[in-house]
Amino acid sequence: MLVSKVQKHPKVKTSPASKSAAPEISVTRDMIRDRAFQIYESRGSEPGLDTQDWLRAEIQIAERPIASR
């Protein structure tokens, strides 16, 4: 499972119920699939490396700044 690190903005007010839970960042399977396909194409569309492409896409998306997701 992909886990994203999230930093809270200091000026954001939260309700008492949400203070214990970190905000969730939605990384969808579609985002990962699209990036994995871009990786596949960028390496010449060679078959057989789909798992590596998928994992690389997950890592790249997780490392992106939150504003660019």
PDB file of N, CA and C in Angstrom:
ATOM      1  N   MET A   1       0.841  -1.178   0.000  1.00  0.00           N
ATOM      2  CA  MET A   1       0.000   0.000   0.000  1.00  0.00           C
ATOM      3  C   MET A   1       0.879   1.233   0.000  1.00  0.00           C
ATOM      4  N   LEU A   2       0.511   2.216  -0.754  1.00  0.00           N
ATOM      5  CA  LEU A   2       1.252   3.449  -0.869  1.00  0.00           C
ATOM      6  C   LEU A   2       0.874   4.379   0.271  1.00  0.00           C
ATOM      7  N   VAL A   3       1.878   4.920   0.964  1.00  0.00           N
ATOM      8  CA  VAL A   3       1.633   5.817   2.074  1.00  0.00           C
ATOM      9  C   VAL A   3       2.264   7.158   1.742  1.00  0.00           C
ATOM     10  N   SER A   4       1.502   8.222   1.862  1.00  0.00           N
ATOM     11  CA  SER A   4       2.005   9.554   1.569  1.00  0.00           C
ATOM     12  C   SER A   4       2.271  10.307   2.859  1.00  0.00           C
ATOM     13  N   LYS A   5       3.358  11.071   2.853  1.00  0.00           N
ATOM     14  CA  LYS A   5       3.633  11.932   3.994  1.00  0.00           C
ATOM     15  C   LYS A   5       2.928  13.257   3.747  1.00  0.00           C
ATOM     16  N   VAL A   6       2.247  13.746   4.754  1.00  0.00           N
ATOM     17  CA  VAL A   6       1.484  14.972   4.617  1.00  0.00           C
ATOM     18  C   VAL A   6       1.858  15.911   5.751  1.00  0.00           C
ATOM     19  N   GLN A   7       2.145  17.160   5.391  1.00  0.00           N
ATOM     20  CA  GLN A   7       2.420  18.167   6.412  1.00  0.00           C
ATOM     21  C   GLN A   7       1.202  19.072   6.503  1.00  0.00           C
ATOM     22  N   LYS A   8       0.789  19.355   7.722  1.00  0.00           N
ATOM     23  CA  LYS A   8      -0.349  20.242   7.913  1.00  0.00           C
ATOM     24  C   LYS A   8       0.086  21.684   7.713  1.00  0.00           C
ATOM     25  N   HIS A   9      -0.771  22.442   7.086  1.00  0.00           N
ATOM     26  CA  HIS A   9      -0.529  23.866   6.919  1.00  0.00           C
ATOM     27  C   HIS A   9      -0.832  24.530   8.256  1.00  0.00           C
ATOM     28  N   PRO A  10       0.058  25.397   8.759  1.00  0.00           N
ATOM     29  CA  PRO A  10      -0.141  25.962  10.098  1.00  0.00           C
ATOM     30  C   PRO A  10      -1.398  26.818  10.243  1.00  0.00           C
ATOM     31  N   LYS A  11      -1.941  27.372   9.164  1.00  0.00           N
ATOM     32  CA  LYS A  11      -3.106  28.246   9.273  1.00  0.00           C
ATOM     33  C   LYS A  11      -4.430  27.515   9.065  1.00  0.00           C
ATOM     34  N   VAL A  12      -4.369  26.238   8.802  1.00  0.00           N
ATOM     35  CA  VAL A  12      -5.592  25.477   8.565  1.00  0.00           C
ATOM     36  C   VAL A  12      -6.248  25.122   9.893  1.00  0.00           C
ATOM     37  N   LYS A  13      -7.524  25.473  10.026  1.00  0.00           N
ATOM     38  CA  LYS A  13      -8.266  25.127  11.232  1.00  0.00           C
ATOM     39  C   LYS A  13      -8.939  23.794  11.017  1.00  0.00           C
ATOM     40  N   THR A  14      -8.884  22.954  12.037  1.00  0.00           N
ATOM     41  CA  THR A  14      -9.524  21.647  11.945  1.00  0.00           C
ATOM     42  C   THR A  14     -10.530  21.505  13.073  1.00  0.00           C
ATOM     43  N   SER A  15     -11.518  20.683  12.842  1.00  0.00           N
ATOM     44  CA  SER A  15     -12.497  20.442  13.892  1.00  0.00           C
ATOM     45  C   SER A  15     -11.874  19.487  14.904  1.00  0.00           C
ATOM     46  N   PRO A  16     -12.382  19.463  16.132  1.00  0.00           N
ATOM     47  CA  PRO A  16     -11.822  18.578  17.157  1.00  0.00           C
ATOM     48  C   PRO A  16     -11.800  17.110  16.731  1.00  0.00           C
ATOM     49  N   ALA A  17     -12.785  16.668  15.991  1.00  0.00           N
ATOM     50  CA  ALA A  17     -12.829  15.271  15.574  1.00  0.00           C
ATOM     51  C   ALA A  17     -11.736  14.945  14.568  1.00  0.00           C
ATOM     52  N   SER A  18     -11.318  15.927  13.761  1.00  0.00           N
ATOM     53  CA  SER A  18     -10.340  15.638  12.724  1.00  0.00           C
ATOM     54  C   SER A  18      -8.896  15.890  13.169  1.00  0.00           C
ATOM     55  N   LYS A  19      -8.689  16.406  14.370  1.00  0.00           N
ATOM     56  CA  LYS A  19      -7.336  16.690  14.829  1.00  0.00           C
ATOM     57  C   LYS A  19      -6.493  15.430  14.986  1.00  0.00           C
ATOM     58  N   SER A  20      -7.110  14.317  15.311  1.00  0.00           N
ATOM     59  CA  SER A  20      -6.351  13.095  15.528  1.00  0.00           C
ATOM     60  C   SER A  20      -5.987  12.403  14.220  1.00  0.00           C
ATOM     61  N   ALA A  21      -6.700  12.681  13.155  1.00  0.00           N
ATOM     62  CA  ALA A  21      -6.433  12.026  11.878  1.00  0.00           C
ATOM     63  C   ALA A  21      -5.751  12.992  10.920  1.00  0.00           C
ATOM     64  N   ALA A  22      -4.694  12.520  10.275  1.00  0.00           N
ATOM     65  CA  ALA A  22      -4.007  13.338   9.278  1.00  0.00           C
ATOM     66  C   ALA A  22      -4.883  13.435   8.037  1.00  0.00           C
ATOM     67  N   PRO A  23      -4.804  14.550   7.326  1.00  0.00           N
ATOM     68  CA  PRO A  23      -5.589  14.672   6.107  1.00  0.00           C
ATOM     69  C   PRO A  23      -5.139  13.626   5.083  1.00  0.00           C
ATOM     70  N   GLU A  24      -6.087  13.114   4.315  1.00  0.00           N
ATOM     71  CA  GLU A  24      -5.770  12.090   3.329  1.00  0.00           C
ATOM     72  C   GLU A  24      -5.496  12.726   1.977  1.00  0.00           C
ATOM     73  N   ILE A  25      -4.509  12.202   1.296  1.00  0.00           N
ATOM     74  CA  ILE A  25      -4.213  12.613  -0.066  1.00  0.00           C
ATOM     75  C   ILE A  25      -4.652  11.469  -0.962  1.00  0.00           C
ATOM     76  N   SER A  26      -5.489  11.774  -1.906  1.00  0.00           N
ATOM     77  CA  SER A  26      -6.037  10.736  -2.758  1.00  0.00           C
ATOM     78  C   SER A  26      -5.117  10.483  -3.950  1.00  0.00           C
ATOM     79  N   VAL A  27      -4.426   9.370  -3.902  1.00  0.00           N
ATOM     80  CA  VAL A  27      -3.640   8.897  -5.035  1.00  0.00           C
ATOM     81  C   VAL A  27      -4.447   7.744  -5.616  1.00  0.00           C
ATOM     82  N   THR A  28      -4.943   7.947  -6.803  1.00  0.00           N
ATOM     83  CA  THR A  28      -5.822   6.943  -7.388  1.00  0.00           C
ATOM     84  C   THR A  28      -5.054   5.951  -8.249  1.00  0.00           C
ATOM     85  N   ARG A  29      -5.680   4.811  -8.454  1.00  0.00           N
ATOM     86  CA  ARG A  29      -5.107   3.803  -9.345  1.00  0.00           C
ATOM     87  C   ARG A  29      -4.969   4.367 -10.756  1.00  0.00           C
ATOM     88  N   ASP A  30      -5.886   5.256 -11.140  1.00  0.00           N
ATOM     89  CA  ASP A  30      -5.800   5.864 -12.467  1.00  0.00           C
ATOM     90  C   ASP A  30      -4.531   6.697 -12.611  1.00  0.00           C
ATOM     91  N   MET A  31      -4.175   7.440 -11.572  1.00  0.00           N
ATOM     92  CA  MET A  31      -2.948   8.247 -11.606  1.00  0.00           C
ATOM     93  C   MET A  31      -1.725   7.354 -11.767  1.00  0.00           C
ATOM     94  N   ILE A  32      -1.704   6.269 -11.013  1.00  0.00           N
ATOM     95  CA  ILE A  32      -0.573   5.341 -11.074  1.00  0.00           C
ATOM     96  C   ILE A  32      -0.543   4.660 -12.440  1.00  0.00           C
ATOM     97  N   ARG A  33      -1.700   4.222 -12.914  1.00  0.00           N
ATOM     98  CA  ARG A  33      -1.775   3.557 -14.215  1.00  0.00           C
ATOM     99  C   ARG A  33      -1.282   4.466 -15.327  1.00  0.00           C
ATOM    100  N   ASP A  34      -1.724   5.726 -15.311  1.00  0.00           N
ATOM    101  CA  ASP A  34      -1.310   6.671 -16.352  1.00  0.00           C
ATOM    102  C   ASP A  34       0.197   6.903 -16.323  1.00  0.00           C
ATOM    103  N   ARG A  35       0.759   7.062 -15.129  1.00  0.00           N
ATOM    104  CA  ARG A  35       2.202   7.279 -15.025  1.00  0.00           C
ATOM    105  C   ARG A  35       2.964   6.021 -15.432  1.00  0.00           C
ATOM    106  N   ALA A  36       2.485   4.851 -15.041  1.00  0.00           N
ATOM    107  CA  ALA A  36       3.138   3.596 -15.428  1.00  0.00           C
ATOM    108  C   ALA A  36       3.143   3.450 -16.947  1.00  0.00           C
ATOM    109  N   PHE A  37       2.076   3.849 -17.596  1.00  0.00           N
ATOM    110  CA  PHE A  37       2.024   3.769 -19.058  1.00  0.00           C
ATOM    111  C   PHE A  37       3.018   4.739 -19.686  1.00  0.00           C
ATOM    112  N   GLN A  38       3.147   5.930 -19.109  1.00  0.00           N
ATOM    113  CA  GLN A  38       4.145   6.885 -19.601  1.00  0.00           C
ATOM    114  C   GLN A  38       5.553   6.312 -19.481  1.00  0.00           C
ATOM    115  N   ILE A  39       5.824   5.650 -18.371  1.00  0.00           N
ATOM    116  CA  ILE A  39       7.131   5.022 -18.163  1.00  0.00           C
ATOM    117  C   ILE A  39       7.352   3.930 -19.202  1.00  0.00           C
ATOM    118  N   TYR A  40       6.343   3.104 -19.415  1.00  0.00           N
ATOM    119  CA  TYR A  40       6.386   2.036 -20.414  1.00  0.00           C
ATOM    120  C   TYR A  40       6.719   2.607 -21.798  1.00  0.00           C
ATOM    121  N   GLU A  41       6.028   3.662 -22.186  1.00  0.00           N
ATOM    122  CA  GLU A  41       6.274   4.276 -23.489  1.00  0.00           C
ATOM    123  C   GLU A  41       7.670   4.900 -23.567  1.00  0.00           C
ATOM    124  N   SER A  42       8.113   5.516 -22.473  1.00  0.00           N
ATOM    125  CA  SER A  42       9.409   6.204 -22.484  1.00  0.00           C
ATOM    126  C   SER A  42      10.581   5.235 -22.618  1.00  0.00           C
ATOM    127  N   ARG A  43      10.372   3.976 -22.278  1.00  0.00           N
ATOM    128  CA  ARG A  43      11.446   2.997 -22.417  1.00  0.00           C
ATOM    129  C   ARG A  43      11.254   2.130 -23.661  1.00  0.00           C
ATOM    130  N   GLY A  44      10.462   2.607 -24.612  1.00  0.00           N
ATOM    131  CA  GLY A  44      10.328   1.941 -25.894  1.00  0.00           C
ATOM    132  C   GLY A  44       9.227   0.904 -25.976  1.00  0.00           C
ATOM    133  N   SER A  45       8.299   0.906 -25.062  1.00  0.00           N
ATOM    134  CA  SER A  45       7.151  -0.015 -25.054  1.00  0.00           C
ATOM    135  C   SER A  45       7.564  -1.487 -25.028  1.00  0.00           C
ATOM    136  N   GLU A  46       8.678  -1.773 -24.379  1.00  0.00           N
ATOM    137  CA  GLU A  46       9.145  -3.155 -24.245  1.00  0.00           C
ATOM    138  C   GLU A  46       8.261  -3.882 -23.239  1.00  0.00           C
ATOM    139  N   PRO A  47       7.670  -5.014 -23.628  1.00  0.00           N
ATOM    140  CA  PRO A  47       6.796  -5.742 -22.706  1.00  0.00           C
ATOM    141  C   PRO A  47       7.590  -6.485 -21.622  1.00  0.00           C
ATOM    142  N   GLY A  48       6.885  -6.879 -20.569  1.00  0.00           N
ATOM    143  CA  GLY A  48       7.473  -7.730 -19.543  1.00  0.00           C
ATOM    144  C   GLY A  48       7.961  -7.027 -18.300  1.00  0.00           C
ATOM    145  N   LEU A  49       7.854  -5.715 -18.254  1.00  0.00           N
ATOM    146  CA  LEU A  49       8.322  -4.974 -17.076  1.00  0.00           C
ATOM    147  C   LEU A  49       7.182  -4.200 -16.426  1.00  0.00           C
ATOM    148  N   ASP A  50       5.964  -4.713 -16.556  1.00  0.00           N
ATOM    149  CA  ASP A  50       4.798  -3.989 -16.054  1.00  0.00           C
ATOM    150  C   ASP A  50       4.833  -3.771 -14.544  1.00  0.00           C
ATOM    151  N   THR A  51       5.291  -4.746 -13.790  1.00  0.00           N
ATOM    152  CA  THR A  51       5.350  -4.584 -12.332  1.00  0.00           C
ATOM    153  C   THR A  51       6.365  -3.509 -11.958  1.00  0.00           C
ATOM    154  N   GLN A  52       7.520  -3.515 -12.596  1.00  0.00           N
ATOM    155  CA  GLN A  52       8.533  -2.501 -12.322  1.00  0.00           C
ATOM    156  C   GLN A  52       8.024  -1.108 -12.701  1.00  0.00           C
ATOM    157  N   ASP A  53       7.321  -1.009 -13.835  1.00  0.00           N
ATOM    158  CA  ASP A  53       6.756   0.274 -14.250  1.00  0.00           C
ATOM    159  C   ASP A  53       5.738   0.770 -13.223  1.00  0.00           C
ATOM    160  N   TRP A  54       4.896  -0.137 -12.741  1.00  0.00           N
ATOM    161  CA  TRP A  54       3.863   0.228 -11.760  1.00  0.00           C
ATOM    162  C   TRP A  54       4.510   0.716 -10.460  1.00  0.00           C
ATOM    163  N   LEU A  55       5.494  -0.017  -9.976  1.00  0.00           N
ATOM    164  CA  LEU A  55       6.157   0.371  -8.723  1.00  0.00           C
ATOM    165  C   LEU A  55       6.902   1.685  -8.874  1.00  0.00           C
ATOM    166  N   ARG A  56       7.551   1.883 -10.003  1.00  0.00           N
ATOM    167  CA  ARG A  56       8.238   3.145 -10.252  1.00  0.00           C
ATOM    168  C   ARG A  56       7.243   4.301 -10.277  1.00  0.00           C
ATOM    169  N   ALA A  57       6.080   4.077 -10.895  1.00  0.00           N
ATOM    170  CA  ALA A  57       5.035   5.106 -10.938  1.00  0.00           C
ATOM    171  C   ALA A  57       4.544   5.444  -9.534  1.00  0.00           C
ATOM    172  N   GLU A  58       4.324   4.429  -8.690  1.00  0.00           N
ATOM    173  CA  GLU A  58       3.900   4.682  -7.302  1.00  0.00           C
ATOM    174  C   GLU A  58       4.914   5.547  -6.568  1.00  0.00           C
ATOM    175  N   ILE A  59       6.184   5.212  -6.722  1.00  0.00           N
ATOM    176  CA  ILE A  59       7.244   5.968  -6.045  1.00  0.00           C
ATOM    177  C   ILE A  59       7.279   7.401  -6.542  1.00  0.00           C
ATOM    178  N   GLN A  60       7.237   7.586  -7.854  1.00  0.00           N
ATOM    179  CA  GLN A  60       7.301   8.932  -8.414  1.00  0.00           C
ATOM    180  C   GLN A  60       6.122   9.786  -7.978  1.00  0.00           C
ATOM    181  N   ILE A  61       4.936   9.214  -7.937  1.00  0.00           N
ATOM    182  CA  ILE A  61       3.755   9.968  -7.513  1.00  0.00           C
ATOM    183  C   ILE A  61       3.847  10.304  -6.029  1.00  0.00           C
ATOM    184  N   ALA A  62       4.334   9.381  -5.221  1.00  0.00           N
ATOM    185  CA  ALA A  62       4.463   9.628  -3.784  1.00  0.00           C
ATOM    186  C   ALA A  62       5.484  10.723  -3.492  1.00  0.00           C
ATOM    187  N   GLU A  63       6.480  10.863  -4.346  1.00  0.00           N
ATOM    188  CA  GLU A  63       7.525  11.869  -4.130  1.00  0.00           C
ATOM    189  C   GLU A  63       7.160  13.245  -4.643  1.00  0.00           C
ATOM    190  N   ARG A  64       6.074  13.355  -5.428  1.00  0.00           N
ATOM    191  CA  ARG A  64       5.649  14.648  -5.964  1.00  0.00           C
ATOM    192  C   ARG A  64       5.187  15.563  -4.841  1.00  0.00           C
ATOM    193  N   PRO A  65       5.434  16.866  -4.986  1.00  0.00           N
ATOM    194  CA  PRO A  65       4.849  17.807  -4.028  1.00  0.00           C
ATOM    195  C   PRO A  65       3.325  17.729  -4.094  1.00  0.00           C
ATOM    196  N   ILE A  66       2.672  17.931  -2.982  1.00  0.00           N
ATOM    197  CA  ILE A  66       1.219  17.788  -2.894  1.00  0.00           C
ATOM    198  C   ILE A  66       0.496  18.671  -3.898  1.00  0.00           C
ATOM    199  N   ALA A  67       0.960  19.894  -4.114  1.00  0.00           N
ATOM    200  CA  ALA A  67       0.277  20.827  -5.016  1.00  0.00           C
ATOM    201  C   ALA A  67       0.236  20.339  -6.457  1.00  0.00           C
ATOM    202  N   SER A  68       1.151  19.458  -6.861  1.00  0.00           N
ATOM    203  CA  SER A  68       1.172  19.018  -8.254  1.00  0.00           C
ATOM    204  C   SER A  68       0.398  17.745  -8.490  1.00  0.00           C
ATOM    205  N   ARG A  69      -0.291  17.227  -7.494  1.00  0.00           N
ATOM    206  CA  ARG A  69      -1.059  15.978  -7.669  1.00  0.00           C
ATOM    207  C   ARG A  69      -2.405  16.250  -8.231  1.00  0.00           C
TER     208      ARG A  69
END
